[in-house]
């Protein structure tokens, strides 16, 4: 089952990247974040935080 997931991660340079994706598991969100920002990310992503969103959350696209 897919859920809307917000992911935030930091690269080695200290840059923070985030996104909201409709995925089956957190690893998919991490992979999509890395793909979306591949030209900007330096090194690997660390400090990864995933949070499932519910329809009542403001950032959840299903909320609209």
PDB file of N, CA and C in Angstrom:
ATOM      1  N   UNK A   1       0.839  -1.181   0.000  1.00  0.00           N
ATOM      2  CA  UNK A   1       0.000   0.000   0.000  1.00  0.00           C
ATOM      3  C   UNK A   1       0.885   1.246   0.000  1.00  0.00           C
ATOM      4  N   UNK A   2       0.552   2.170  -0.827  1.00  0.00           N
ATOM      5  CA  UNK A   2       1.326   3.405  -0.922  1.00  0.00           C
ATOM      6  C   UNK A   2       0.873   4.409   0.145  1.00  0.00           C
ATOM      7  N   UNK A   3       1.847   5.147   0.652  1.00  0.00           N
ATOM      8  CA  UNK A   3       1.543   6.240   1.588  1.00  0.00           C
ATOM      9  C   UNK A   3       2.371   7.456   1.188  1.00  0.00           C
ATOM     10  N   UNK A   4       1.848   8.616   1.478  1.00  0.00           N
ATOM     11  CA  UNK A   4       2.603   9.839   1.255  1.00  0.00           C
ATOM     12  C   UNK A   4       3.644   9.937   2.358  1.00  0.00           C
ATOM     13  N   UNK A   5       4.900  10.099   1.954  1.00  0.00           N
ATOM     14  CA  UNK A   5       6.016  10.120   2.891  1.00  0.00           C
ATOM     15  C   UNK A   5       6.862  11.364   2.664  1.00  0.00           C
ATOM     16  N   UNK A   6       7.122  12.077   3.754  1.00  0.00           N
ATOM     17  CA  UNK A   6       8.037  13.219   3.694  1.00  0.00           C
ATOM     18  C   UNK A   6       9.411  12.729   4.119  1.00  0.00           C
ATOM     19  N   UNK A   7      10.428  13.047   3.331  1.00  0.00           N
ATOM     20  CA  UNK A   7      11.786  12.626   3.655  1.00  0.00           C
ATOM     21  C   UNK A   7      12.685  13.851   3.674  1.00  0.00           C
ATOM     22  N   UNK A   8      13.563  13.878   4.660  1.00  0.00           N
ATOM     23  CA  UNK A   8      14.568  14.925   4.781  1.00  0.00           C
ATOM     24  C   UNK A   8      15.904  14.247   4.986  1.00  0.00           C
ATOM     25  N   UNK A   9      16.932  14.714   4.277  1.00  0.00           N
ATOM     26  CA  UNK A   9      18.263  14.116   4.394  1.00  0.00           C
ATOM     27  C   UNK A   9      19.319  15.190   4.200  1.00  0.00           C
ATOM     28  N   UNK A  10      20.500  14.925   4.724  1.00  0.00           N
ATOM     29  CA  UNK A  10      21.632  15.843   4.621  1.00  0.00           C
ATOM     30  C   UNK A  10      22.773  15.128   3.913  1.00  0.00           C
ATOM     31  N   UNK A  11      23.486  15.871   3.057  1.00  0.00           N
ATOM     32  CA  UNK A  11      24.650  15.268   2.412  1.00  0.00           C
ATOM     33  C   UNK A  11      25.910  15.621   3.192  1.00  0.00           C
ATOM     34  N   UNK A  12      27.064  15.154   2.715  1.00  0.00           N
ATOM     35  CA  UNK A  12      28.329  15.380   3.428  1.00  0.00           C
ATOM     36  C   UNK A  12      28.701  16.849   3.541  1.00  0.00           C
ATOM     37  N   UNK A  13      28.242  17.668   2.606  1.00  0.00           N
ATOM     38  CA  UNK A  13      28.557  19.094   2.625  1.00  0.00           C
ATOM     39  C   UNK A  13      27.651  19.865   3.584  1.00  0.00           C
ATOM     40  N   UNK A  14      26.671  19.180   4.181  1.00  0.00           N
ATOM     41  CA  UNK A  14      25.761  19.835   5.111  1.00  0.00           C
ATOM     42  C   UNK A  14      24.512  20.402   4.471  1.00  0.00           C
ATOM     43  N   UNK A  15      24.338  20.183   3.171  1.00  0.00           N
ATOM     44  CA  UNK A  15      23.132  20.642   2.479  1.00  0.00           C
ATOM     45  C   UNK A  15      21.967  19.728   2.833  1.00  0.00           C
ATOM     46  N   UNK A  16      20.805  20.313   3.052  1.00  0.00           N
ATOM     47  CA  UNK A  16      19.613  19.549   3.400  1.00  0.00           C
ATOM     48  C   UNK A  16      18.679  19.480   2.201  1.00  0.00           C
ATOM     49  N   UNK A  17      18.149  18.302   1.946  1.00  0.00           N
ATOM     50  CA  UNK A  17      17.220  18.068   0.848  1.00  0.00           C
ATOM     51  C   UNK A  17      15.955  17.437   1.410  1.00  0.00           C
ATOM     52  N   UNK A  18      14.813  17.784   0.836  1.00  0.00           N
ATOM     53  CA  UNK A  18      13.570  17.178   1.313  1.00  0.00           C
ATOM     54  C   UNK A  18      12.596  17.033   0.151  1.00  0.00           C
ATOM     55  N   UNK A  19      11.621  16.162   0.359  1.00  0.00           N
ATOM     56  CA  UNK A  19      10.605  15.941  -0.651  1.00  0.00           C
ATOM     57  C   UNK A  19       9.451  15.142  -0.072  1.00  0.00           C
ATOM     58  N   UNK A  20       8.343  15.138  -0.788  1.00  0.00           N
ATOM     59  CA  UNK A  20       7.162  14.369  -0.407  1.00  0.00           C
ATOM     60  C   UNK A  20       6.847  13.440  -1.577  1.00  0.00           C
ATOM     61  N   UNK A  21       6.795  12.148  -1.291  1.00  0.00           N
ATOM     62  CA  UNK A  21       6.600  11.142  -2.333  1.00  0.00           C
ATOM     63  C   UNK A  21       5.530  10.134  -1.920  1.00  0.00           C
ATOM     64  N   UNK A  22       4.817   9.611  -2.903  1.00  0.00           N
ATOM     65  CA  UNK A  22       3.826   8.568  -2.683  1.00  0.00           C
ATOM     66  C   UNK A  22       4.521   7.234  -2.956  1.00  0.00           C
ATOM     67  N   UNK A  23       4.945   6.550  -1.894  1.00  0.00           N
ATOM     68  CA  UNK A  23       5.778   5.356  -2.025  1.00  0.00           C
ATOM     69  C   UNK A  23       5.250   4.201  -1.179  1.00  0.00           C
ATOM     70  N   UNK A  24       5.787   3.007  -1.427  1.00  0.00           N
ATOM     71  CA  UNK A  24       5.409   1.815  -0.666  1.00  0.00           C
ATOM     72  C   UNK A  24       6.226   1.661   0.610  1.00  0.00           C
ATOM     73  N   UNK A  25       7.505   2.097   0.553  1.00  0.00           N
ATOM     74  CA  UNK A  25       8.375   1.950   1.723  1.00  0.00           C
ATOM     75  C   UNK A  25       9.376   3.104   1.756  1.00  0.00           C
ATOM     76  N   UNK A  26       9.953   3.386   2.916  1.00  0.00           N
ATOM     77  CA  UNK A  26      10.865   4.528   3.062  1.00  0.00           C
ATOM     78  C   UNK A  26      12.069   4.493   2.117  1.00  0.00           C
ATOM     79  N   UNK A  27      12.582   3.311   1.795  1.00  0.00           N
ATOM     80  CA  UNK A  27      13.731   3.219   0.892  1.00  0.00           C
ATOM     81  C   UNK A  27      13.412   3.810  -0.484  1.00  0.00           C
ATOM     82  N   UNK A  28      12.171   3.627  -0.943  1.00  0.00           N
ATOM     83  CA  UNK A  28      11.765   4.206  -2.220  1.00  0.00           C
ATOM     84  C   UNK A  28      11.816   5.728  -2.155  1.00  0.00           C
ATOM     85  N   UNK A  29      11.392   6.302  -1.035  1.00  0.00           N
ATOM     86  CA  UNK A  29      11.430   7.761  -0.877  1.00  0.00           C
ATOM     87  C   UNK A  29      12.869   8.255  -0.908  1.00  0.00           C
ATOM     88  N   UNK A  30      13.760   7.548  -0.242  1.00  0.00           N
ATOM     89  CA  UNK A  30      15.177   7.917  -0.242  1.00  0.00           C
ATOM     90  C   UNK A  30      15.759   7.849  -1.660  1.00  0.00           C
ATOM     91  N   UNK A  31      15.425   6.787  -2.389  1.00  0.00           N
ATOM     92  CA  UNK A  31      15.916   6.633  -3.754  1.00  0.00           C
ATOM     93  C   UNK A  31      15.402   7.755  -4.662  1.00  0.00           C
ATOM     94  N   UNK A  32      14.140   8.107  -4.511  1.00  0.00           N
ATOM     95  CA  UNK A  32      13.569   9.163  -5.353  1.00  0.00           C
ATOM     96  C   UNK A  32      14.140  10.526  -5.009  1.00  0.00           C
ATOM     97  N   UNK A  33      14.388  10.776  -3.723  1.00  0.00           N
ATOM     98  CA  UNK A  33      15.013  12.030  -3.312  1.00  0.00           C
ATOM     99  C   UNK A  33      16.408  12.142  -3.920  1.00  0.00           C
ATOM    100  N   UNK A  34      17.177  11.058  -3.841  1.00  0.00           N
ATOM    101  CA  UNK A  34      18.522  11.048  -4.407  1.00  0.00           C
ATOM    102  C   UNK A  34      18.485  11.269  -5.919  1.00  0.00           C
ATOM    103  N   UNK A  35      17.518  10.674  -6.595  1.00  0.00           N
ATOM    104  CA  UNK A  35      17.392  10.831  -8.034  1.00  0.00           C
ATOM    105  C   UNK A  35      16.991  12.261  -8.405  1.00  0.00           C
ATOM    106  N   UNK A  36      16.046  12.829  -7.678  1.00  0.00           N
ATOM    107  CA  UNK A  36      15.587  14.190  -7.958  1.00  0.00           C
ATOM    108  C   UNK A  36      16.687  15.234  -7.774  1.00  0.00           C
ATOM    109  N   UNK A  37      17.617  14.975  -6.869  1.00  0.00           N
ATOM    110  CA  UNK A  37      18.658  15.958  -6.549  1.00  0.00           C
ATOM    111  C   UNK A  37      20.058  15.436  -6.844  1.00  0.00           C
ATOM    112  N   UNK A  38      20.187  14.474  -7.752  1.00  0.00           N
ATOM    113  CA  UNK A  38      21.469  13.821  -7.979  1.00  0.00           C
ATOM    114  C   UNK A  38      22.584  14.776  -8.386  1.00  0.00           C
ATOM    115  N   UNK A  39      22.273  15.840  -9.095  1.00  0.00           N
ATOM    116  CA  UNK A  39      23.324  16.770  -9.519  1.00  0.00           C
ATOM    117  C   UNK A  39      23.769  17.704  -8.392  1.00  0.00           C
ATOM    118  N   UNK A  40      22.986  17.776  -7.315  1.00  0.00           N
ATOM    119  CA  UNK A  40      23.295  18.682  -6.216  1.00  0.00           C
ATOM    120  C   UNK A  40      23.882  17.983  -4.998  1.00  0.00           C
ATOM    121  N   UNK A  41      23.620  16.699  -4.838  1.00  0.00           N
ATOM    122  CA  UNK A  41      24.064  15.971  -3.647  1.00  0.00           C
ATOM    123  C   UNK A  41      25.549  15.659  -3.752  1.00  0.00           C
ATOM    124  N   UNK A  42      26.272  15.999  -2.689  1.00  0.00           N
ATOM    125  CA  UNK A  42      27.710  15.709  -2.616  1.00  0.00           C
ATOM    126  C   UNK A  42      27.920  14.562  -1.636  1.00  0.00           C
ATOM    127  N   UNK A  43      28.462  13.467  -2.125  1.00  0.00           N
ATOM    128  CA  UNK A  43      28.651  12.314  -1.247  1.00  0.00           C
ATOM    129  C   UNK A  43      27.341  11.591  -1.036  1.00  0.00           C
ATOM    130  N   UNK A  44      27.275  10.858   0.042  1.00  0.00           N
ATOM    131  CA  UNK A  44      26.046  10.103   0.301  1.00  0.00           C
ATOM    132  C   UNK A  44      25.136  10.858   1.260  1.00  0.00           C
ATOM    133  N   UNK A  45      23.873  10.456   1.283  1.00  0.00           N
ATOM    134  CA  UNK A  45      22.908  11.082   2.175  1.00  0.00           C
ATOM    135  C   UNK A  45      23.035  10.500   3.581  1.00  0.00           C
ATOM    136  N   UNK A  46      23.023  11.367   4.556  1.00  0.00           N
ATOM    137  CA  UNK A  46      23.066  10.947   5.953  1.00  0.00           C
ATOM    138  C   UNK A  46      21.932  11.646   6.685  1.00  0.00           C
ATOM    139  N   UNK A  47      21.757  11.317   7.937  1.00  0.00           N
ATOM    140  CA  UNK A  47      20.718  11.934   8.771  1.00  0.00           C
ATOM    141  C   UNK A  47      19.365  11.905   8.066  1.00  0.00           C
ATOM    142  N   UNK A  48      19.007  10.739   7.565  1.00  0.00           N
ATOM    143  CA  UNK A  48      17.760  10.579   6.816  1.00  0.00           C
ATOM    144  C   UNK A  48      16.597  10.425   7.790  1.00  0.00           C
ATOM    145  N   UNK A  49      15.543  11.187   7.547  1.00  0.00           N
ATOM    146  CA  UNK A  49      14.347  11.109   8.388  1.00  0.00           C
ATOM    147  C   UNK A  49      13.124  10.964   7.489  1.00  0.00           C
ATOM    148  N   UNK A  50      12.353   9.912   7.716  1.00  0.00           N
ATOM    149  CA  UNK A  50      11.132   9.668   6.954  1.00  0.00           C
ATOM    150  C   UNK A  50       9.935   9.790   7.878  1.00  0.00           C
ATOM    151  N   UNK A  51       8.870  10.370   7.361  1.00  0.00           N
ATOM    152  CA  UNK A  51       7.653  10.540   8.154  1.00  0.00           C
ATOM    153  C   UNK A  51       6.446  10.309   7.250  1.00  0.00           C
ATOM    154  N   UNK A  52       5.607   9.373   7.640  1.00  0.00           N
ATOM    155  CA  UNK A  52       4.387   9.127   6.874  1.00  0.00           C
ATOM    156  C   UNK A  52       3.390  10.243   7.149  1.00  0.00           C
ATOM    157  N   UNK A  53       2.741  10.706   6.082  1.00  0.00           N
ATOM    158  CA  UNK A  53       1.770  11.784   6.199  1.00  0.00           C
ATOM    159  C   UNK A  53       0.360  11.224   6.148  1.00  0.00           C
ATOM    160  N   UNK A  54      -0.513  11.836   6.888  1.00  0.00           N
ATOM    161  CA  UNK A  54      -1.925  11.450   6.901  1.00  0.00           C
ATOM    162  C   UNK A  54      -2.720  12.510   6.139  1.00  0.00           C
ATOM    163  N   UNK A  55      -3.918  12.185   5.686  1.00  0.00           N
ATOM    164  CA  UNK A  55      -4.719  13.152   4.936  1.00  0.00           C
ATOM    165  C   UNK A  55      -4.937  14.483   5.663  1.00  0.00           C
ATOM    166  N   UNK A  56      -4.854  14.518   6.983  1.00  0.00           N
ATOM    167  CA  UNK A  56      -5.040  15.764   7.717  1.00  0.00           C
ATOM    168  C   UNK A  56      -3.810  16.641   7.773  1.00  0.00           C
ATOM    169  N   UNK A  57      -2.657  16.123   7.370  1.00  0.00           N
ATOM    170  CA  UNK A  57      -1.419  16.913   7.392  1.00  0.00           C
ATOM    171  C   UNK A  57      -1.425  17.934   6.256  1.00  0.00           C
ATOM    172  N   UNK A  58      -0.985  19.130   6.565  1.00  0.00           N
ATOM    173  CA  UNK A  58      -1.006  20.213   5.589  1.00  0.00           C
ATOM    174  C   UNK A  58      -0.162  19.902   4.357  1.00  0.00           C
ATOM    175  N   UNK A  59       0.998  19.251   4.539  1.00  0.00           N
ATOM    176  CA  UNK A  59       1.891  18.976   3.413  1.00  0.00           C
ATOM    177  C   UNK A  59       1.436  17.801   2.549  1.00  0.00           C
ATOM    178  N   UNK A  60       0.473  17.042   3.026  1.00  0.00           N
ATOM    179  CA  UNK A  60       0.031  15.861   2.307  1.00  0.00           C
ATOM    180  C   UNK A  60      -0.767  16.274   1.061  1.00  0.00           C
ATOM    181  N   UNK A  61      -0.328  15.837  -0.130  1.00  0.00           N
ATOM    182  CA  UNK A  61      -1.060  16.179  -1.344  1.00  0.00           C
ATOM    183  C   UNK A  61      -2.502  15.662  -1.331  1.00  0.00           C
ATOM    184  N   UNK A  62      -2.779  14.612  -0.585  1.00  0.00           N
ATOM    185  CA  UNK A  62      -4.135  14.083  -0.504  1.00  0.00           C
ATOM    186  C   UNK A  62      -5.052  15.024   0.284  1.00  0.00           C
ATOM    187  N   UNK A  63      -4.457  15.972   0.995  1.00  0.00           N
ATOM    188  CA  UNK A  63      -5.216  16.932   1.806  1.00  0.00           C
ATOM    189  C   UNK A  63      -5.991  17.911   0.930  1.00  0.00           C
ATOM    190  N   UNK A  64      -5.436  18.227  -0.235  1.00  0.00           N
ATOM    191  CA  UNK A  64      -6.041  19.247  -1.112  1.00  0.00           C
ATOM    192  C   UNK A  64      -7.364  18.817  -1.670  1.00  0.00           C
TER     193      UNK A  64
END
